[in-house]
Amino acid sequence: MIVGLGLDLCDASRMRRALERHPRMKWRIFTEGETALCSRRKDPAPCFAARFAAKEAAMKALGTGWSHGIGWRDIEVVRAPGQAPTLAFRGKALERFRGLGAERAVMTITHEGDMAAVVVILEG
């Protein structure tokens, strides 16, 4: 049964400009693992944009947005080699995930031009 659904878009050009203007932004929003992965790319902006959209979509699926004490780094996009990316919840995000009766998060990420789109489904 679906207990949460979220969708978000993020423009890589906008993310690129934001990271150039506010370099510390990446450490406030992204985990060490996300930052390391994206920073290895020739152009890290699309990678960061996709992870930002995933966090936003996950917050929407949780039904909280940026409220209820859920922070950006409480949600992480993780990817094992050869596997599709998945979500890891920590802290207040994990509490909310469990509170909804969610047992699994399913996510898809796509890129088209400078846009990254993410859909998150929480299943319980």
PDB file of N, CA and C in Angstrom:
ATOM      1  N   MET A   1       0.834  -1.173   0.000  1.00  0.00           N
ATOM      2  CA  MET A   1       0.000   0.000   0.000  1.00  0.00           C
ATOM      3  C   MET A   1       0.887   1.249   0.000  1.00  0.00           C
ATOM      4  N   ILE A   2       0.510   2.235  -0.784  1.00  0.00           N
ATOM      5  CA  ILE A   2       1.257   3.501  -0.838  1.00  0.00           C
ATOM      6  C   ILE A   2       0.850   4.353   0.363  1.00  0.00           C
ATOM      7  N   VAL A   3       1.855   4.769   1.152  1.00  0.00           N
ATOM      8  CA  VAL A   3       1.592   5.633   2.303  1.00  0.00           C
ATOM      9  C   VAL A   3       2.149   7.042   2.102  1.00  0.00           C
ATOM     10  N   GLY A   4       2.897   7.257   1.013  1.00  0.00           N
ATOM     11  CA  GLY A   4       3.435   8.576   0.710  1.00  0.00           C
ATOM     12  C   GLY A   4       3.903   8.656  -0.724  1.00  0.00           C
ATOM     13  N   LEU A   5       3.732   9.848  -1.312  1.00  0.00           N
ATOM     14  CA  LEU A   5       4.130  10.071  -2.696  1.00  0.00           C
ATOM     15  C   LEU A   5       4.675  11.483  -2.818  1.00  0.00           C
ATOM     16  N   GLY A   6       5.813  11.623  -3.474  1.00  0.00           N
ATOM     17  CA  GLY A   6       6.406  12.938  -3.672  1.00  0.00           C
ATOM     18  C   GLY A   6       7.061  13.042  -5.034  1.00  0.00           C
ATOM     19  N   LEU A   7       7.029  14.239  -5.602  1.00  0.00           N
ATOM     20  CA  LEU A   7       7.622  14.530  -6.911  1.00  0.00           C
ATOM     21  C   LEU A   7       8.320  15.870  -6.815  1.00  0.00           C
ATOM     22  N   ASP A   8       9.490  15.991  -7.428  1.00  0.00           N
ATOM     23  CA  ASP A   8      10.153  17.280  -7.473  1.00  0.00           C
ATOM     24  C   ASP A   8      11.031  17.384  -8.709  1.00  0.00           C
ATOM     25  N   LEU A   9      11.255  18.618  -9.129  1.00  0.00           N
ATOM     26  CA  LEU A   9      12.136  18.959 -10.246  1.00  0.00           C
ATOM     27  C   LEU A   9      13.208  19.915  -9.742  1.00  0.00           C
ATOM     28  N   CYS A  10      14.387  19.837 -10.323  1.00  0.00           N
ATOM     29  CA  CYS A  10      15.446  20.792  -9.981  1.00  0.00           C
ATOM     30  C   CYS A  10      16.262  21.081 -11.235  1.00  0.00           C
ATOM     31  N   ASP A  11      16.514  22.340 -11.466  1.00  0.00           N
ATOM     32  CA  ASP A  11      17.271  22.802 -12.623  1.00  0.00           C
ATOM     33  C   ASP A  11      18.763  22.807 -12.284  1.00  0.00           C
ATOM     34  N   ALA A  12      19.552  22.048 -13.019  1.00  0.00           N
ATOM     35  CA  ALA A  12      20.999  21.943 -12.764  1.00  0.00           C
ATOM     36  C   ALA A  12      21.696  23.288 -12.942  1.00  0.00           C
ATOM     37  N   SER A  13      21.244  24.102 -13.883  1.00  0.00           N
ATOM     38  CA  SER A  13      21.855  25.435 -14.073  1.00  0.00           C
ATOM     39  C   SER A  13      21.662  26.289 -12.828  1.00  0.00           C
ATOM     40  N   ARG A  14      20.478  26.221 -12.266  1.00  0.00           N
ATOM     41  CA  ARG A  14      20.191  26.977 -11.044  1.00  0.00           C
ATOM     42  C   ARG A  14      21.027  26.444  -9.878  1.00  0.00           C
ATOM     43  N   MET A  15      21.144  25.118  -9.789  1.00  0.00           N
ATOM     44  CA  MET A  15      21.963  24.520  -8.730  1.00  0.00           C
ATOM     45  C   MET A  15      23.424  24.934  -8.894  1.00  0.00           C
ATOM     46  N   ARG A  16      23.913  24.951 -10.125  1.00  0.00           N
ATOM     47  CA  ARG A  16      25.300  25.345 -10.393  1.00  0.00           C
ATOM     48  C   ARG A  16      25.547  26.770  -9.883  1.00  0.00           C
ATOM     49  N   ARG A  17      24.632  27.693 -10.220  1.00  0.00           N
ATOM     50  CA  ARG A  17      24.777  29.084  -9.777  1.00  0.00           C
ATOM     51  C   ARG A  17      24.721  29.191  -8.252  1.00  0.00           C
ATOM     52  N   ALA A  18      23.812  28.451  -7.633  1.00  0.00           N
ATOM     53  CA  ALA A  18      23.682  28.484  -6.176  1.00  0.00           C
ATOM     54  C   ALA A  18      24.954  27.978  -5.497  1.00  0.00           C
ATOM     55  N   LEU A  19      25.521  26.898  -6.011  1.00  0.00           N
ATOM     56  CA  LEU A  19      26.750  26.354  -5.427  1.00  0.00           C
ATOM     57  C   LEU A  19      27.938  27.287  -5.632  1.00  0.00           C
ATOM     58  N   GLU A  20      27.963  27.996  -6.759  1.00  0.00           N
ATOM     59  CA  GLU A  20      29.048  28.955  -7.001  1.00  0.00           C
ATOM     60  C   GLU A  20      28.943  30.141  -6.050  1.00  0.00           C
ATOM     61  N   ARG A  21      27.719  30.618  -5.809  1.00  0.00           N
ATOM     62  CA  ARG A  21      27.510  31.772  -4.925  1.00  0.00           C
ATOM     63  C   ARG A  21      27.650  31.401  -3.451  1.00  0.00           C
ATOM     64  N   HIS A  22      27.259  30.179  -3.103  1.00  0.00           N
ATOM     65  CA  HIS A  22      27.233  29.742  -1.703  1.00  0.00           C
ATOM     66  C   HIS A  22      27.911  28.368  -1.583  1.00  0.00           C
ATOM     67  N   PRO A  23      29.228  28.308  -1.672  1.00  0.00           N
ATOM     68  CA  PRO A  23      29.938  27.022  -1.675  1.00  0.00           C
ATOM     69  C   PRO A  23      29.646  26.150  -0.451  1.00  0.00           C
ATOM     70  N   ARG A  24      29.387  26.772   0.715  1.00  0.00           N
ATOM     71  CA  ARG A  24      29.112  25.985   1.915  1.00  0.00           C
ATOM     72  C   ARG A  24      27.729  25.350   1.886  1.00  0.00           C
ATOM     73  N   MET A  25      26.903  25.764   0.945  1.00  0.00           N
ATOM     74  CA  MET A  25      25.557  25.215   0.819  1.00  0.00           C
ATOM     75  C   MET A  25      25.590  23.692   0.708  1.00  0.00           C
ATOM     76  N   LYS A  26      26.569  23.178  -0.032  1.00  0.00           N
ATOM     77  CA  LYS A  26      26.618  21.726  -0.228  1.00  0.00           C
ATOM     78  C   LYS A  26      26.799  20.986   1.083  1.00  0.00           C
ATOM     79  N   TRP A  27      27.485  21.584   2.054  1.00  0.00           N
ATOM     80  CA  TRP A  27      27.709  20.904   3.336  1.00  0.00           C
ATOM     81  C   TRP A  27      26.499  21.020   4.260  1.00  0.00           C
ATOM     82  N   ARG A  28      25.631  21.999   4.004  1.00  0.00           N
ATOM     83  CA  ARG A  28      24.406  22.133   4.805  1.00  0.00           C
ATOM     84  C   ARG A  28      23.302  21.218   4.297  1.00  0.00           C
ATOM     85  N   ILE A  29      23.307  20.941   2.996  1.00  0.00           N
ATOM     86  CA  ILE A  29      22.211  20.190   2.380  1.00  0.00           C
ATOM     87  C   ILE A  29      22.572  18.737   2.120  1.00  0.00           C
ATOM     88  N   PHE A  30      23.777  18.486   1.658  1.00  0.00           N
ATOM     89  CA  PHE A  30      24.161  17.149   1.209  1.00  0.00           C
ATOM     90  C   PHE A  30      25.056  16.448   2.221  1.00  0.00           C
ATOM     91  N   THR A  31      24.939  15.128   2.278  1.00  0.00           N
ATOM     92  CA  THR A  31      25.791  14.339   3.179  1.00  0.00           C
ATOM     93  C   THR A  31      27.199  14.232   2.595  1.00  0.00           C
ATOM     94  N   GLU A  32      28.100  13.734   3.406  1.00  0.00           N
ATOM     95  CA  GLU A  32      29.480  13.551   2.943  1.00  0.00           C
ATOM     96  C   GLU A  32      29.520  12.606   1.743  1.00  0.00           C
ATOM     97  N   GLY A  33      28.734  11.529   1.804  1.00  0.00           N
ATOM     98  CA  GLY A  33      28.699  10.577   0.690  1.00  0.00           C
ATOM     99  C   GLY A  33      28.168  11.197  -0.594  1.00  0.00           C
ATOM    100  N   GLU A  34      27.108  11.989  -0.481  1.00  0.00           N
ATOM    101  CA  GLU A  34      26.542  12.650  -1.662  1.00  0.00           C
ATOM    102  C   GLU A  34      27.525  13.652  -2.240  1.00  0.00           C
ATOM    103  N   THR A  35      28.166  14.421  -1.354  1.00  0.00           N
ATOM    104  CA  THR A  35      29.127  15.423  -1.807  1.00  0.00           C
ATOM    105  C   THR A  35      30.326  14.766  -2.485  1.00  0.00           C
ATOM    106  N   ALA A  36      30.825  13.683  -1.916  1.00  0.00           N
ATOM    107  CA  ALA A  36      31.969  12.976  -2.510  1.00  0.00           C
ATOM    108  C   ALA A  36      31.607  12.431  -3.886  1.00  0.00           C
ATOM    109  N   LEU A  37      30.433  11.809  -4.003  1.00  0.00           N
ATOM    110  CA  LEU A  37      30.013  11.239  -5.279  1.00  0.00           C
ATOM    111  C   LEU A  37      29.869  12.319  -6.346  1.00  0.00           C
ATOM    112  N   CYS A  38      29.137  13.369  -6.033  1.00  0.00           N
ATOM    113  CA  CYS A  38      28.883  14.416  -7.027  1.00  0.00           C
ATOM    114  C   CYS A  38      30.155  15.178  -7.391  1.00  0.00           C
ATOM    115  N   SER A  39      31.031  15.397  -6.416  1.00  0.00           N
ATOM    116  CA  SER A  39      32.257  16.163  -6.654  1.00  0.00           C
ATOM    117  C   SER A  39      33.230  15.441  -7.586  1.00  0.00           C
ATOM    118  N   ARG A  40      33.088  14.120  -7.737  1.00  0.00           N
ATOM    119  CA  ARG A  40      33.953  13.380  -8.659  1.00  0.00           C
ATOM    120  C   ARG A  40      33.559  13.585 -10.112  1.00  0.00           C
ATOM    121  N   ARG A  41      32.386  14.125 -10.353  1.00  0.00           N
ATOM    122  CA  ARG A  41      31.903  14.324 -11.724  1.00  0.00           C
ATOM    123  C   ARG A  41      32.560  15.541 -12.354  1.00  0.00           C
ATOM    124  N   LYS A  42      32.722  15.502 -13.672  1.00  0.00           N
ATOM    125  CA  LYS A  42      33.269  16.655 -14.391  1.00  0.00           C
ATOM    126  C   LYS A  42      32.382  17.871 -14.158  1.00  0.00           C
ATOM    127  N   ASP A  43      31.072  17.671 -14.238  1.00  0.00           N
ATOM    128  CA  ASP A  43      30.111  18.721 -13.929  1.00  0.00           C
ATOM    129  C   ASP A  43      29.229  18.196 -12.803  1.00  0.00           C
ATOM    130  N   PRO A  44      29.500  18.600 -11.563  1.00  0.00           N
ATOM    131  CA  PRO A  44      28.748  18.056 -10.437  1.00  0.00           C
ATOM    132  C   PRO A  44      27.320  18.589 -10.305  1.00  0.00           C
ATOM    133  N   ALA A  45      26.987  19.679 -10.976  1.00  0.00           N
ATOM    134  CA  ALA A  45      25.677  20.313 -10.788  1.00  0.00           C
ATOM    135  C   ALA A  45      24.493  19.390 -11.079  1.00  0.00           C
ATOM    136  N   PRO A  46      24.474  18.623 -12.178  1.00  0.00           N
ATOM    137  CA  PRO A  46      23.327  17.728 -12.393  1.00  0.00           C
ATOM    138  C   PRO A  46      23.174  16.675 -11.293  1.00  0.00           C
ATOM    139  N   CYS A  47      24.278  16.192 -10.770  1.00  0.00           N
ATOM    140  CA  CYS A  47      24.250  15.207  -9.681  1.00  0.00           C
ATOM    141  C   CYS A  47      23.668  15.837  -8.410  1.00  0.00           C
ATOM    142  N   PHE A  48      24.140  17.034  -8.065  1.00  0.00           N
ATOM    143  CA  PHE A  48      23.602  17.726  -6.897  1.00  0.00           C
ATOM    144  C   PHE A  48      22.126  18.081  -7.112  1.00  0.00           C
ATOM    145  N   ALA A  49      21.762  18.491  -8.314  1.00  0.00           N
ATOM    146  CA  ALA A  49      20.358  18.838  -8.599  1.00  0.00           C
ATOM    147  C   ALA A  49      19.454  17.625  -8.398  1.00  0.00           C
ATOM    148  N   ALA A  50      19.882  16.466  -8.858  1.00  0.00           N
ATOM    149  CA  ALA A  50      19.077  15.259  -8.709  1.00  0.00           C
ATOM    150  C   ALA A  50      18.926  14.892  -7.238  1.00  0.00           C
ATOM    151  N   ARG A  51      19.978  15.035  -6.457  1.00  0.00           N
ATOM    152  CA  ARG A  51      19.891  14.705  -5.043  1.00  0.00           C
ATOM    153  C   ARG A  51      19.045  15.724  -4.283  1.00  0.00           C
ATOM    154  N   PHE A  52      19.117  16.978  -4.683  1.00  0.00           N
ATOM    155  CA  PHE A  52      18.252  17.997  -4.071  1.00  0.00           C
ATOM    156  C   PHE A  52      16.787  17.682  -4.361  1.00  0.00           C
ATOM    157  N   ALA A  53      16.483  17.345  -5.615  1.00  0.00           N
ATOM    158  CA  ALA A  53      15.112  16.990  -5.983  1.00  0.00           C
ATOM    159  C   ALA A  53      14.655  15.741  -5.229  1.00  0.00           C
ATOM    160  N   ALA A  54      15.546  14.794  -5.021  1.00  0.00           N
ATOM    161  CA  ALA A  54      15.185  13.579  -4.281  1.00  0.00           C
ATOM    162  C   ALA A  54      14.832  13.905  -2.838  1.00  0.00           C
ATOM    163  N   LYS A  55      15.601  14.791  -2.210  1.00  0.00           N
ATOM    164  CA  LYS A  55      15.319  15.180  -0.834  1.00  0.00           C
ATOM    165  C   LYS A  55      13.965  15.893  -0.746  1.00  0.00           C
ATOM    166  N   GLU A  56      13.710  16.792  -1.700  1.00  0.00           N
ATOM    167  CA  GLU A  56      12.422  17.507  -1.737  1.00  0.00           C
ATOM    168  C   GLU A  56      11.271  16.529  -1.950  1.00  0.00           C
ATOM    169  N   ALA A  57      11.420  15.618  -2.883  1.00  0.00           N
ATOM    170  CA  ALA A  57      10.366  14.635  -3.160  1.00  0.00           C
ATOM    171  C   ALA A  57      10.135  13.744  -1.940  1.00  0.00           C
ATOM    172  N   ALA A  58      11.205  13.375  -1.252  1.00  0.00           N
ATOM    173  CA  ALA A  58      11.068  12.544  -0.055  1.00  0.00           C
ATOM    174  C   ALA A  58      10.333  13.296   1.046  1.00  0.00           C
ATOM    175  N   MET A  59      10.647  14.584   1.217  1.00  0.00           N
ATOM    176  CA  MET A  59       9.950  15.382   2.224  1.00  0.00           C
ATOM    177  C   MET A  59       8.459  15.491   1.901  1.00  0.00           C
ATOM    178  N   LYS A  60       8.155  15.602   0.628  1.00  0.00           N
ATOM    179  CA  LYS A  60       6.746  15.639   0.213  1.00  0.00           C
ATOM    180  C   LYS A  60       6.079  14.297   0.485  1.00  0.00           C
ATOM    181  N   ALA A  61       6.779  13.208   0.200  1.00  0.00           N
ATOM    182  CA  ALA A  61       6.224  11.879   0.462  1.00  0.00           C
ATOM    183  C   ALA A  61       5.998  11.663   1.954  1.00  0.00           C
ATOM    184  N   LEU A  62       6.877  12.226   2.771  1.00  0.00           N
ATOM    185  CA  LEU A  62       6.718  12.130   4.222  1.00  0.00           C
ATOM    186  C   LEU A  62       5.582  13.020   4.722  1.00  0.00           C
ATOM    187  N   GLY A  63       5.153  13.962   3.879  1.00  0.00           N
ATOM    188  CA  GLY A  63       4.061  14.856   4.244  1.00  0.00           C
ATOM    189  C   GLY A  63       4.477  15.993   5.153  1.00  0.00           C
ATOM    190  N   THR A  64       5.770  16.317   5.161  1.00  0.00           N
ATOM    191  CA  THR A  64       6.268  17.325   6.093  1.00  0.00           C
ATOM    192  C   THR A  64       6.837  18.571   5.423  1.00  0.00           C
ATOM    193  N   GLY A  65       7.343  18.438   4.210  1.00  0.00           N
ATOM    194  CA  GLY A  65       8.138  19.538   3.677  1.00  0.00           C
ATOM    195  C   GLY A  65       9.345  19.723   4.574  1.00  0.00           C
ATOM    196  N   TRP A  66       9.754  20.963   4.805  1.00  0.00           N
ATOM    197  CA  TRP A  66      10.939  21.235   5.629  1.00  0.00           C
ATOM    198  C   TRP A  66      10.609  21.332   7.105  1.00  0.00           C
ATOM    199  N   SER A  67       9.412  20.973   7.504  1.00  0.00           N
ATOM    200  CA  SER A  67       9.001  21.157   8.889  1.00  0.00           C
ATOM    201  C   SER A  67       9.166  19.878   9.707  1.00  0.00           C
ATOM    202  N   HIS A  68       8.665  19.905  10.932  1.00  0.00           N
ATOM    203  CA  HIS A  68       8.694  18.776  11.855  1.00  0.00           C
ATOM    204  C   HIS A  68      10.120  18.364  12.225  1.00  0.00           C
ATOM    205  N   GLY A  69      11.056  19.292  12.153  1.00  0.00           N
ATOM    206  CA  GLY A  69      12.430  19.005  12.559  1.00  0.00           C
ATOM    207  C   GLY A  69      13.236  18.182  11.579  1.00  0.00           C
ATOM    208  N   ILE A  70      12.696  17.929  10.400  1.00  0.00           N
ATOM    209  CA  ILE A  70      13.414  17.133   9.407  1.00  0.00           C
ATOM    210  C   ILE A  70      14.409  18.034   8.673  1.00  0.00           C
ATOM    211  N   GLY A  71      15.673  17.624   8.700  1.00  0.00           N
ATOM    212  CA  GLY A  71      16.725  18.393   8.041  1.00  0.00           C
ATOM    213  C   GLY A  71      17.124  17.770   6.716  1.00  0.00           C
ATOM    214  N   TRP A  72      17.814  18.558   5.914  1.00  0.00           N
ATOM    215  CA  TRP A  72      18.254  18.097   4.588  1.00  0.00           C
ATOM    216  C   TRP A  72      19.108  16.845   4.682  1.00  0.00           C
ATOM    217  N   ARG A  73      19.975  16.804   5.677  1.00  0.00           N
ATOM    218  CA  ARG A  73      20.911  15.687   5.787  1.00  0.00           C
ATOM    219  C   ARG A  73      20.298  14.460   6.468  1.00  0.00           C
ATOM    220  N   ASP A  74      19.023  14.569   6.870  1.00  0.00           N
ATOM    221  CA  ASP A  74      18.306  13.413   7.414  1.00  0.00           C
ATOM    222  C   ASP A  74      17.839  12.478   6.300  1.00  0.00           C
ATOM    223  N   ILE A  75      17.963  12.934   5.070  1.00  0.00           N
ATOM    224  CA  ILE A  75      17.578  12.132   3.903  1.00  0.00           C
ATOM    225  C   ILE A  75      18.795  12.074   2.985  1.00  0.00           C
ATOM    226  N   GLU A  76      19.206  10.870   2.620  1.00  0.00           N
ATOM    227  CA  GLU A  76      20.394  10.704   1.786  1.00  0.00           C
ATOM    228  C   GLU A  76      20.088   9.792   0.605  1.00  0.00           C
ATOM    229  N   VAL A  77      20.573  10.194  -0.553  1.00  0.00           N
ATOM    230  CA  VAL A  77      20.511   9.322  -1.731  1.00  0.00           C
ATOM    231  C   VAL A  77      21.766   8.464  -1.691  1.00  0.00           C
ATOM    232  N   VAL A  78      21.568   7.164  -1.613  1.00  0.00           N
ATOM    233  CA  VAL A  78      22.694   6.229  -1.567  1.00  0.00           C
ATOM    234  C   VAL A  78      22.629   5.319  -2.793  1.00  0.00           C
ATOM    235  N   ARG A  79      23.795   4.880  -3.215  1.00  0.00           N
ATOM    236  CA  ARG A  79      23.846   4.026  -4.394  1.00  0.00           C
ATOM    237  C   ARG A  79      24.986   3.041  -4.265  1.00  0.00           C
ATOM    238  N   ALA A  80      24.631   1.776  -4.247  1.00  0.00           N
ATOM    239  CA  ALA A  80      25.642   0.720  -4.257  1.00  0.00           C
ATOM    240  C   ALA A  80      26.092   0.526  -5.701  1.00  0.00           C
ATOM    241  N   PRO A  81      27.335   0.129  -5.923  1.00  0.00           N
ATOM    242  CA  PRO A  81      27.817  -0.083  -7.287  1.00  0.00           C
ATOM    243  C   PRO A  81      26.907  -1.030  -8.067  1.00  0.00           C
ATOM    244  N   GLY A  82      26.531  -0.613  -9.253  1.00  0.00           N
ATOM    245  CA  GLY A  82      25.699  -1.435 -10.122  1.00  0.00           C
ATOM    246  C   GLY A  82      24.229  -1.475  -9.734  1.00  0.00           C
ATOM    247  N   GLN A  83      23.840  -0.691  -8.738  1.00  0.00           N
ATOM    248  CA  GLN A  83      22.457  -0.679  -8.268  1.00  0.00           C
ATOM    249  C   GLN A  83      21.816   0.682  -8.529  1.00  0.00           C
ATOM    250  N   ALA A  84      20.492   0.697  -8.534  1.00  0.00           N
ATOM    251  CA  ALA A  84      19.756   1.952  -8.655  1.00  0.00           C
ATOM    252  C   ALA A  84      19.889   2.723  -7.348  1.00  0.00           C
ATOM    253  N   PRO A  85      19.826   4.051  -7.409  1.00  0.00           N
ATOM    254  CA  PRO A  85      19.882   4.835  -6.174  1.00  0.00           C
ATOM    255  C   PRO A  85      18.662   4.561  -5.294  1.00  0.00           C
ATOM    256  N   THR A  86      18.882   4.633  -3.988  1.00  0.00           N
ATOM    257  CA  THR A  86      17.806   4.461  -3.018  1.00  0.00           C
ATOM    258  C   THR A  86      17.921   5.570  -1.977  1.00  0.00           C
ATOM    259  N   LEU A  87      16.972   5.603  -1.071  1.00  0.00           N
ATOM    260  CA  LEU A  87      16.965   6.613  -0.016  1.00  0.00           C
ATOM    261  C   LEU A  87      17.284   5.991   1.331  1.00  0.00           C
ATOM    262  N   ALA A  88      18.037   6.723   2.130  1.00  0.00           N
ATOM    263  CA  ALA A  88      18.284   6.363   3.526  1.00  0.00           C
ATOM    264  C   ALA A  88      17.720   7.496   4.375  1.00  0.00           C
ATOM    265  N   PHE A  89      16.934   7.141   5.377  1.00  0.00           N
ATOM    266  CA  PHE A  89      16.336   8.117   6.285  1.00  0.00           C
ATOM    267  C   PHE A  89      17.023   8.013   7.638  1.00  0.00           C
ATOM    268  N   ARG A  90      17.238   9.163   8.276  1.00  0.00           N
ATOM    269  CA  ARG A  90      17.863   9.221   9.598  1.00  0.00           C
ATOM    270  C   ARG A  90      17.093  10.218  10.462  1.00  0.00           C
ATOM    271  N   GLY A  91      17.340  10.159  11.736  1.00  0.00           N
ATOM    272  CA  GLY A  91      16.790  11.150  12.653  1.00  0.00           C
ATOM    273  C   GLY A  91      15.275  11.297  12.547  1.00  0.00           C
ATOM    274  N   LYS A  92      14.821  12.548  12.499  1.00  0.00           N
ATOM    275  CA  LYS A  92      13.385  12.843  12.449  1.00  0.00           C
ATOM    276  C   LYS A  92      12.738  12.301  11.178  1.00  0.00           C
ATOM    277  N   ALA A  93      13.487  12.258  10.092  1.00  0.00           N
ATOM    278  CA  ALA A  93      12.929  11.706   8.846  1.00  0.00           C
ATOM    279  C   ALA A  93      12.629  10.220   9.013  1.00  0.00           C
ATOM    280  N   LEU A  94      13.510   9.505   9.683  1.00  0.00           N
ATOM    281  CA  LEU A  94      13.284   8.084   9.931  1.00  0.00           C
ATOM    282  C   LEU A  94      12.099   7.881  10.877  1.00  0.00           C
ATOM    283  N   GLU A  95      11.998   8.732  11.887  1.00  0.00           N
ATOM    284  CA  GLU A  95      10.848   8.658  12.800  1.00  0.00           C
ATOM    285  C   GLU A  95       9.537   8.851  12.031  1.00  0.00           C
ATOM    286  N   ARG A  96       9.503   9.843  11.159  1.00  0.00           N
ATOM    287  CA  ARG A  96       8.298  10.106  10.373  1.00  0.00           C
ATOM    288  C   ARG A  96       8.009   8.943   9.420  1.00  0.00           C
ATOM    289  N   PHE A  97       9.037   8.424   8.760  1.00  0.00           N
ATOM    290  CA  PHE A  97       8.920   7.282   7.854  1.00  0.00           C
ATOM    291  C   PHE A  97       8.250   6.115   8.583  1.00  0.00           C
ATOM    292  N   ARG A  98       8.761   5.785   9.746  1.00  0.00           N
ATOM    293  CA  ARG A  98       8.201   4.682  10.538  1.00  0.00           C
ATOM    294  C   ARG A  98       6.799   5.011  11.032  1.00  0.00           C
ATOM    295  N   GLY A  99       6.577   6.284  11.418  1.00  0.00           N
ATOM    296  CA  GLY A  99       5.275   6.714  11.903  1.00  0.00           C
ATOM    297  C   GLY A  99       4.174   6.588  10.866  1.00  0.00           C
ATOM    298  N   LEU A 100       4.541   6.712   9.608  1.00  0.00           N
ATOM    299  CA  LEU A 100       3.576   6.541   8.520  1.00  0.00           C
ATOM    300  C   LEU A 100       3.277   5.070   8.255  1.00  0.00           C
ATOM    301  N   GLY A 101       4.056   4.200   8.862  1.00  0.00           N
ATOM    302  CA  GLY A 101       3.922   2.772   8.596  1.00  0.00           C
ATOM    303  C   GLY A 101       4.660   2.357   7.345  1.00  0.00           C
ATOM    304  N   ALA A 102       5.575   3.195   6.885  1.00  0.00           N
ATOM    305  CA  ALA A 102       6.344   2.885   5.675  1.00  0.00           C
ATOM    306  C   ALA A 102       7.373   1.798   5.985  1.00  0.00           C
ATOM    307  N   GLU A 103       7.542   0.931   5.036  1.00  0.00           N
ATOM    308  CA  GLU A 103       8.529  -0.141   5.157  1.00  0.00           C
ATOM    309  C   GLU A 103       9.594  -0.055   4.075  1.00  0.00           C
ATOM    310  N   ARG A 104       9.274   0.673   3.009  1.00  0.00           N
ATOM    311  CA  ARG A 104      10.191   0.739   1.874  1.00  0.00           C
ATOM    312  C   ARG A 104       9.970   2.044   1.125  1.00  0.00           C
ATOM    313  N   ALA A 105      11.078   2.626   0.640  1.00  0.00           N
ATOM    314  CA  ALA A 105      11.013   3.810  -0.214  1.00  0.00           C
ATOM    315  C   ALA A 105      11.478   3.407  -1.607  1.00  0.00           C
ATOM    316  N   VAL A 106      10.685   3.748  -2.598  1.00  0.00           N
ATOM    317  CA  VAL A 106      11.028   3.482  -3.996  1.00  0.00           C
ATOM    318  C   VAL A 106      11.221   4.846  -4.658  1.00  0.00           C
ATOM    319  N   MET A 107      12.287   4.964  -5.449  1.00  0.00           N
ATOM    320  CA  MET A 107      12.608   6.251  -6.056  1.00  0.00           C
ATOM    321  C   MET A 107      13.074   6.055  -7.489  1.00  0.00           C
ATOM    322  N   THR A 108      12.729   7.004  -8.326  1.00  0.00           N
ATOM    323  CA  THR A 108      13.281   7.042  -9.669  1.00  0.00           C
ATOM    324  C   THR A 108      13.770   8.456  -9.941  1.00  0.00           C
ATOM    325  N   ILE A 109      14.926   8.544 -10.587  1.00  0.00           N
ATOM    326  CA  ILE A 109      15.541   9.822 -10.948  1.00  0.00           C
ATOM    327  C   ILE A 109      15.710   9.838 -12.464  1.00  0.00           C
ATOM    328  N   THR A 110      15.380  10.961 -13.083  1.00  0.00           N
ATOM    329  CA  THR A 110      15.617  11.102 -14.510  1.00  0.00           C
ATOM    330  C   THR A 110      16.180  12.491 -14.796  1.00  0.00           C
ATOM    331  N   HIS A 111      16.915  12.599 -15.871  1.00  0.00           N
ATOM    332  CA  HIS A 111      17.499  13.871 -16.308  1.00  0.00           C
ATOM    333  C   HIS A 111      17.072  14.128 -17.745  1.00  0.00           C
ATOM    334  N   GLU A 112      16.748  15.368 -18.034  1.00  0.00           N
ATOM    335  CA  GLU A 112      16.466  15.797 -19.408  1.00  0.00           C
ATOM    336  C   GLU A 112      17.011  17.210 -19.533  1.00  0.00           C
ATOM    337  N   GLY A 113      18.020  17.356 -20.362  1.00  0.00           N
ATOM    338  CA  GLY A 113      18.660  18.666 -20.462  1.00  0.00           C
ATOM    339  C   GLY A 113      19.217  19.045 -19.102  1.00  0.00           C
ATOM    340  N   ASP A 114      18.877  20.230 -18.634  1.00  0.00           N
ATOM    341  CA  ASP A 114      19.340  20.687 -17.325  1.00  0.00           C
ATOM    342  C   ASP A 114      18.382  20.332 -16.189  1.00  0.00           C
ATOM    343  N   MET A 115      17.301  19.646 -16.495  1.00  0.00           N
ATOM    344  CA  MET A 115      16.321  19.326 -15.463  1.00  0.00           C
ATOM    345  C   MET A 115      16.524  17.917 -14.908  1.00  0.00           C
ATOM    346  N   ALA A 116      16.404  17.814 -13.601  1.00  0.00           N
ATOM    347  CA  ALA A 116      16.384  16.516 -12.924  1.00  0.00           C
ATOM    348  C   ALA A 116      14.998  16.378 -12.299  1.00  0.00           C
ATOM    349  N   ALA A 117      14.379  15.210 -12.465  1.00  0.00           N
ATOM    350  CA  ALA A 117      13.081  14.946 -11.882  1.00  0.00           C
ATOM    351  C   ALA A 117      13.169  13.677 -11.040  1.00  0.00           C
ATOM    352  N   VAL A 118      12.469  13.683  -9.911  1.00  0.00           N
ATOM    353  CA  VAL A 118      12.492  12.549  -8.996  1.00  0.00           C
ATOM    354  C   VAL A 118      11.080  12.278  -8.500  1.00  0.00           C
ATOM    355  N   VAL A 119      10.728  10.995  -8.471  1.00  0.00           N
ATOM    356  CA  VAL A 119       9.488  10.537  -7.850  1.00  0.00           C
ATOM    357  C   VAL A 119       9.872   9.601  -6.717  1.00  0.00           C
ATOM    358  N   VAL A 120       9.249   9.809  -5.556  1.00  0.00           N
ATOM    359  CA  VAL A 120       9.467   8.953  -4.392  1.00  0.00           C
ATOM    360  C   VAL A 120       8.116   8.378  -3.973  1.00  0.00           C
ATOM    361  N   ILE A 121       8.085   7.077  -3.778  1.00  0.00           N
ATOM    362  CA  ILE A 121       6.893   6.388  -3.285  1.00  0.00           C
ATOM    363  C   ILE A 121       7.287   5.669  -2.001  1.00  0.00           C
ATOM    364  N   LEU A 122       6.509   5.897  -0.943  1.00  0.00           N
ATOM    365  CA  LEU A 122       6.699   5.182   0.304  1.00  0.00           C
ATOM    366  C   LEU A 122       5.643   4.091   0.370  1.00  0.00           C
ATOM    367  N   GLU A 123       6.099   2.877   0.608  1.00  0.00           N
ATOM    368  CA  GLU A 123       5.185   1.733   0.682  1.00  0.00           C
ATOM    369  C   GLU A 123       5.136   1.219   2.112  1.00  0.00           C
ATOM    370  N   GLY A 124       3.930   0.816   2.513  1.00  0.00           N
ATOM    371  CA  GLY A 124       3.749   0.297   3.864  1.00  0.00           C
ATOM    372  C   GLY A 124       2.952  -0.988   3.828  1.00  0.00           C
TER     373      GLY A 124
END
